[in-house]
C-alpha atoms as a PDB file:
ATOM      1  CA  UNK A   1       0.000   0.000   0.000  1.00  0.00           C
ATOM      2  CA  UNK A   2       2.790   2.446   0.840  1.00  0.00           C
ATOM      3  CA  UNK A   3       4.548   1.613  -2.375  1.00  0.00           C
ATOM      4  CA  UNK A   4       1.517   2.633  -4.523  1.00  0.00           C
ATOM      5  CA  UNK A   5       1.167   5.947  -2.717  1.00  0.00           C
ATOM      6  CA  UNK A   6       4.870   6.714  -2.870  1.00  0.00           C
ATOM      7  CA  UNK A   7       4.928   6.900  -6.650  1.00  0.00           C
ATOM      8  CA  UNK A   8       2.056   9.414  -6.992  1.00  0.00           C
ATOM      9  CA  UNK A   9       3.419  11.518  -4.117  1.00  0.00           C
ATOM     10  CA  UNK A  10       6.885  11.509  -5.678  1.00  0.00           C
ATOM     11  CA  UNK A  11       5.366  12.486  -9.013  1.00  0.00           C
ATOM     12  CA  UNK A  12       3.445  15.361  -7.393  1.00  0.00           C
ATOM     13  CA  UNK A  13       6.601  16.597  -5.688  1.00  0.00           C
ATOM     14  CA  UNK A  14       8.440  16.563  -9.016  1.00  0.00           C
ATOM     15  CA  UNK A  15       5.813  18.706 -10.816  1.00  0.00           C
ATOM     16  CA  UNK A  16       7.132  22.087  -9.623  1.00  0.00           C
ATOM     17  CA  UNK A  17      10.636  21.085 -10.688  1.00  0.00           C
ATOM     18  CA  UNK A  18       9.424  19.938 -14.117  1.00  0.00           C
ATOM     19  CA  UNK A  19       7.238  23.001 -14.572  1.00  0.00           C
ATOM     20  CA  UNK A  20      10.279  25.222 -14.232  1.00  0.00           C
ATOM     21  CA  UNK A  21      12.061  23.428 -17.070  1.00  0.00           C
ATOM     22  CA  UNK A  22      12.223  25.367 -20.322  1.00  0.00           C
ATOM     23  CA  UNK A  23      10.968  22.259 -22.118  1.00  0.00           C
ATOM     24  CA  UNK A  24       7.506  22.744 -20.635  1.00  0.00           C
ATOM     25  CA  UNK A  25       7.328  26.518 -21.100  1.00  0.00           C
ATOM     26  CA  UNK A  26       4.483  27.659 -23.305  1.00  0.00           C
ATOM     27  CA  UNK A  27       5.839  29.640 -26.185  1.00  0.00           C
ATOM     28  CA  UNK A  28       3.871  32.515 -27.670  1.00  0.00           C
ATOM     29  CA  UNK A  29       2.366  31.281 -30.934  1.00  0.00           C
ATOM     30  CA  UNK A  30       3.629  33.042 -34.039  1.00  0.00           C
ATOM     31  CA  UNK A  31       1.339  35.769 -35.373  1.00  0.00           C
ATOM     32  CA  UNK A  32      -1.085  35.325 -38.228  1.00  0.00           C
ATOM     33  CA  UNK A  33      -0.059  36.870 -41.530  1.00  0.00           C
ATOM     34  CA  UNK A  34      -1.359  40.416 -42.040  1.00  0.00           C
ATOM     35  CA  UNK A  35      -4.665  40.530 -43.933  1.00  0.00           C
ATOM     36  CA  UNK A  36      -5.717  43.630 -45.857  1.00  0.00           C
ATOM     37  CA  UNK A  37      -8.987  44.572 -47.515  1.00  0.00           C
ATOM     38  CA  UNK A  38      -7.992  45.833 -50.961  1.00  0.00           C
ATOM     39  CA  UNK A  39      -9.727  49.225 -51.281  1.00  0.00           C
ATOM     40  CA  UNK A  40     -10.324  49.138 -55.047  1.00  0.00           C
ATOM     41  CA  UNK A  41     -12.128  45.816 -54.720  1.00  0.00           C
ATOM     42  CA  UNK A  42     -13.909  46.265 -51.361  1.00  0.00           C
ATOM     43  CA  UNK A  43     -17.248  46.994 -53.042  1.00  0.00           C
ATOM     44  CA  UNK A  44     -19.072  45.737 -56.095  1.00  0.00           C
ATOM     45  CA  UNK A  45     -21.926  47.022 -58.251  1.00  0.00           C
ATOM     46  CA  UNK A  46     -23.421  44.468 -60.649  1.00  0.00           C
ATOM     47  CA  UNK A  47     -25.444  45.786 -63.561  1.00  0.00           C
ATOM     48  CA  UNK A  48     -27.856  43.876 -65.757  1.00  0.00           C
ATOM     49  CA  UNK A  49     -26.292  42.815 -69.066  1.00  0.00           C
ATOM     50  CA  UNK A  50     -26.178  45.532 -71.685  1.00  0.00           C
ATOM     51  CA  UNK A  51     -24.807  49.036 -72.008  1.00  0.00           C
ATOM     52  CA  UNK A  52     -26.982  50.764 -69.391  1.00  0.00           C
ATOM     53  CA  UNK A  53     -25.130  51.928 -66.301  1.00  0.00           C
ATOM     54  CA  UNK A  54     -27.588  54.112 -64.430  1.00  0.00           C
ATOM     55  CA  UNK A  55     -29.367  53.383 -61.159  1.00  0.00           C
ATOM     56  CA  UNK A  56     -32.211  51.487 -62.872  1.00  0.00           C
ATOM     57  CA  UNK A  57     -29.686  49.016 -64.332  1.00  0.00           C
ATOM     58  CA  UNK A  58     -28.272  47.893 -60.942  1.00  0.00           C
ATOM     59  CA  UNK A  59     -28.962  44.257 -60.026  1.00  0.00           C
ATOM     60  CA  UNK A  60     -27.210  44.529 -56.635  1.00  0.00           C
ATOM     61  CA  UNK A  61     -24.453  46.260 -54.741  1.00  0.00           C
ATOM     62  CA  UNK A  62     -22.215  44.516 -52.234  1.00  0.00           C
ATOM     63  CA  UNK A  63     -19.579  45.512 -49.714  1.00  0.00           C
ATOM     64  CA  UNK A  64     -17.166  43.414 -47.752  1.00  0.00           C
ATOM     65  CA  UNK A  65     -18.166  44.154 -44.169  1.00  0.00           C
ATOM     66  CA  UNK A  66     -15.253  42.375 -42.520  1.00  0.00           C
ATOM     67  CA  UNK A  67     -13.771  39.006 -41.685  1.00  0.00           C
ATOM     68  CA  UNK A  68     -12.938  36.809 -38.748  1.00  0.00           C
ATOM     69  CA  UNK A  69     -10.339  34.145 -38.666  1.00  0.00           C
ATOM     70  CA  UNK A  70      -7.539  32.307 -37.044  1.00  0.00           C
ATOM     71  CA  UNK A  71      -4.313  30.672 -38.024  1.00  0.00           C
ATOM     72  CA  UNK A  72      -2.284  27.731 -36.921  1.00  0.00           C
ATOM     73  CA  UNK A  73       1.030  26.234 -37.913  1.00  0.00           C
ATOM     74  CA  UNK A  74       2.288  22.789 -38.765  1.00  0.00           C
ATOM     75  CA  UNK A  75       5.490  21.479 -40.343  1.00  0.00           C
ATOM     76  CA  UNK A  76       4.333  22.686 -43.798  1.00  0.00           C
ATOM     77  CA  UNK A  77       3.646  26.300 -42.777  1.00  0.00           C
ATOM     78  CA  UNK A  78       0.704  28.505 -41.798  1.00  0.00           C
ATOM     79  CA  UNK A  79      -2.941  27.500 -42.138  1.00  0.00           C
ATOM     80  CA  UNK A  80      -5.218  30.538 -42.333  1.00  0.00           C
ATOM     81  CA  UNK A  81      -8.936  29.934 -41.822  1.00  0.00           C
ATOM     82  CA  UNK A  82     -11.349  32.816 -42.226  1.00  0.00           C
ATOM     83  CA  UNK A  83     -14.980  33.760 -42.739  1.00  0.00           C
ATOM     84  CA  UNK A  84     -15.851  36.845 -44.785  1.00  0.00           C
ATOM     85  CA  UNK A  85     -19.011  38.916 -44.155  1.00  0.00           C
ATOM     86  CA  UNK A  86     -20.883  40.867 -46.819  1.00  0.00           C
ATOM     87  CA  UNK A  87     -23.615  43.518 -46.882  1.00  0.00           C
ATOM     88  CA  UNK A  88     -25.782  43.453 -50.005  1.00  0.00           C
ATOM     89  CA  UNK A  89     -28.485  45.716 -51.395  1.00  0.00           C
ATOM     90  CA  UNK A  90     -30.872  44.563 -54.081  1.00  0.00           C
ATOM     91  CA  UNK A  91     -31.156  46.884 -57.088  1.00  0.00           C
ATOM     92  CA  UNK A  92     -34.137  47.755 -59.305  1.00  0.00           C
ATOM     93  CA  UNK A  93     -32.907  45.532 -62.171  1.00  0.00           C
ATOM     94  CA  UNK A  94     -32.844  42.361 -60.038  1.00  0.00           C
ATOM     95  CA  UNK A  95     -35.484  39.868 -61.115  1.00  0.00           C
ATOM     96  CA  UNK A  96     -34.517  36.659 -59.267  1.00  0.00           C
ATOM     97  CA  UNK A  97     -33.677  37.889 -55.714  1.00  0.00           C
ATOM     98  CA  UNK A  98     -30.162  36.398 -56.019  1.00  0.00           C
ATOM     99  CA  UNK A  99     -26.729  37.955 -55.990  1.00  0.00           C
ATOM    100  CA  UNK A 100     -23.966  35.898 -57.612  1.00  0.00           C
ATOM    101  CA  UNK A 101     -20.392  37.090 -57.227  1.00  0.00           C
ATOM    102  CA  UNK A 102     -16.859  35.980 -56.438  1.00  0.00           C
ATOM    103  CA  UNK A 103     -14.292  37.153 -53.929  1.00  0.00           C
ATOM    104  CA  UNK A 104     -10.608  36.369 -53.611  1.00  0.00           C
ATOM    105  CA  UNK A 105      -7.731  35.876 -51.204  1.00  0.00           C
ATOM    106  CA  UNK A 106      -4.294  36.568 -52.669  1.00  0.00           C
ATOM    107  CA  UNK A 107      -0.697  36.416 -51.462  1.00  0.00           C
ATOM    108  CA  UNK A 108       1.251  38.745 -53.798  1.00  0.00           C
ATOM    109  CA  UNK A 109       4.607  37.325 -52.681  1.00  0.00           C
ATOM    110  CA  UNK A 110       3.758  34.158 -54.676  1.00  0.00           C
ATOM    111  CA  UNK A 111       2.795  36.018 -57.872  1.00  0.00           C
ATOM    112  CA  UNK A 112       2.815  34.960 -60.767  1.00  0.00           C
ATOM    113  CA  UNK A 113       2.167  31.414 -59.539  1.00  0.00           C
ATOM    114  CA  UNK A 114      -1.491  30.349 -59.880  1.00  0.00           C
ATOM    115  CA  UNK A 115      -1.324  29.391 -56.186  1.00  0.00           C
ATOM    116  CA  UNK A 116      -0.942  33.104 -55.350  1.00  0.00           C
ATOM    117  CA  UNK A 117      -4.705  33.676 -55.565  1.00  0.00           C
ATOM    118  CA  UNK A 118      -7.822  31.697 -54.655  1.00  0.00           C
ATOM    119  CA  UNK A 119     -11.259  32.770 -55.955  1.00  0.00           C
ATOM    120  CA  UNK A 120     -14.460  31.785 -54.131  1.00  0.00           C
ATOM    121  CA  UNK A 121     -17.876  31.885 -55.838  1.00  0.00           C
ATOM    122  CA  UNK A 122     -20.884  32.842 -53.733  1.00  0.00           C
ATOM    123  CA  UNK A 123     -24.645  33.116 -54.193  1.00  0.00           C
ATOM    124  CA  UNK A 124     -26.743  35.094 -51.713  1.00  0.00           C
ATOM    125  CA  UNK A 125     -30.551  35.011 -51.829  1.00  0.00           C
ATOM    126  CA  UNK A 126     -32.495  38.041 -50.634  1.00  0.00           C
ATOM    127  CA  UNK A 127     -35.286  37.095 -48.229  1.00  0.00           C
ATOM    128  CA  UNK A 128     -38.802  37.658 -49.522  1.00  0.00           C
ATOM    129  CA  UNK A 129     -39.861  41.230 -48.780  1.00  0.00           C
ATOM    130  CA  UNK A 130     -36.318  42.455 -48.097  1.00  0.00           C
ATOM    131  CA  UNK A 131     -33.953  44.365 -50.335  1.00  0.00           C
ATOM    132  CA  UNK A 132     -31.022  43.967 -47.940  1.00  0.00           C
ATOM    133  CA  UNK A 133     -28.969  40.971 -46.889  1.00  0.00           C
ATOM    134  CA  UNK A 134     -26.032  40.340 -44.616  1.00  0.00           C
ATOM    135  CA  UNK A 135     -24.210  37.120 -45.326  1.00  0.00           C
ATOM    136  CA  UNK A 136     -21.179  35.442 -43.777  1.00  0.00           C
ATOM    137  CA  UNK A 137     -19.620  32.846 -46.021  1.00  0.00           C
ATOM    138  CA  UNK A 138     -18.544  29.447 -44.773  1.00  0.00           C
ATOM    139  CA  UNK A 139     -14.934  29.121 -43.660  1.00  0.00           C
ATOM    140  CA  UNK A 140     -12.281  29.193 -46.332  1.00  0.00           C
ATOM    141  CA  UNK A 141      -8.825  27.785 -45.688  1.00  0.00           C
ATOM    142  CA  UNK A 142      -5.577  28.963 -47.178  1.00  0.00           C
ATOM    143  CA  UNK A 143      -2.176  27.347 -46.656  1.00  0.00           C
ATOM    144  CA  UNK A 144       0.930  29.536 -46.734  1.00  0.00           C
ATOM    145  CA  UNK A 145       4.031  27.339 -46.996  1.00  0.00           C
ATOM    146  CA  UNK A 146       6.520  29.321 -44.919  1.00  0.00           C
ATOM    147  CA  UNK A 147       9.570  27.607 -43.541  1.00  0.00           C
ATOM    148  CA  UNK A 148      10.393  30.213 -40.916  1.00  0.00           C
ATOM    149  CA  UNK A 149       7.406  31.318 -38.822  1.00  0.00           C
ATOM    150  CA  UNK A 150       9.279  34.491 -37.892  1.00  0.00           C
ATOM    151  CA  UNK A 151       8.934  35.870 -41.435  1.00  0.00           C
ATOM    152  CA  UNK A 152       5.157  35.366 -41.755  1.00  0.00           C
ATOM    153  CA  UNK A 153       4.644  39.157 -41.690  1.00  0.00           C
ATOM    154  CA  UNK A 154       6.127  39.315 -45.217  1.00  0.00           C
ATOM    155  CA  UNK A 155       3.317  37.081 -46.511  1.00  0.00           C
ATOM    156  CA  UNK A 156       0.557  39.672 -46.745  1.00  0.00           C
ATOM    157  CA  UNK A 157      -2.908  38.373 -47.657  1.00  0.00           C
ATOM    158  CA  UNK A 158      -5.277  40.583 -49.668  1.00  0.00           C
ATOM    159  CA  UNK A 159      -9.048  40.218 -49.715  1.00  0.00           C
ATOM    160  CA  UNK A 160     -11.477  41.679 -52.249  1.00  0.00           C
ATOM    161  CA  UNK A 161     -14.218  41.110 -54.797  1.00  0.00           C
ATOM    162  CA  UNK A 162     -13.226  39.478 -58.060  1.00  0.00           C
ATOM    163  CA  UNK A 163     -14.124  42.303 -60.436  1.00  0.00           C
ATOM    164  CA  UNK A 164     -14.164  42.775 -64.180  1.00  0.00           C
ATOM    165  CA  UNK A 165     -11.901  45.493 -65.620  1.00  0.00           C
ATOM    166  CA  UNK A 166     -14.972  47.767 -66.025  1.00  0.00           C
ATOM    167  CA  UNK A 167     -16.073  47.180 -62.405  1.00  0.00           C
ATOM    168  CA  UNK A 168     -12.571  47.860 -61.128  1.00  0.00           C
ATOM    169  CA  UNK A 169     -12.360  51.070 -63.184  1.00  0.00           C
ATOM    170  CA  UNK A 170     -15.761  52.236 -61.834  1.00  0.00           C
ATOM    171  CA  UNK A 171     -14.604  51.558 -58.258  1.00  0.00           C
ATOM    172  CA  UNK A 172     -11.430  53.545 -58.793  1.00  0.00           C
ATOM    173  CA  UNK A 173     -13.336  56.479 -60.297  1.00  0.00           C
ATOM    174  CA  UNK A 174     -15.836  56.542 -57.430  1.00  0.00           C
ATOM    175  CA  UNK A 175     -13.010  56.731 -54.856  1.00  0.00           C
ATOM    176  CA  UNK A 176     -11.555  59.938 -56.334  1.00  0.00           C
END
């Protein structure tokens, strides 16, 4: 009986000694890479097909409201998981109560590799009787293969709507 108790007591006495070892110290996790909302692509106005570009031709407008996320690390690098939130307004030219668009996450440091950018399609349905919608997309995951976690700050991630050249030009003109 004494023998069984001696081992747990000895183990309990050793805990403070082991806890002071640097092997058991909790290290501060490395930071997540910086994520930026790209201003020229932070909003989107979709027009019905054709040449018209006045208010009556708008199917919907959308803005990226924000994002939440987290990151972790393994032997292959950083794993960034995030959810993006959107605010949408239905326009007069909308006839199906749906907004279809794409948004992207890009790591310019990897350009021109195709892996430098991921595009995510999304469809949001406006509730009956409402011309406004707030939608948070399901989690998207992006892997950044960094060898040294201390240099993750160089791997900037950009977020924005995937726009056509005309949409991008209109956004830039409206910001001036």
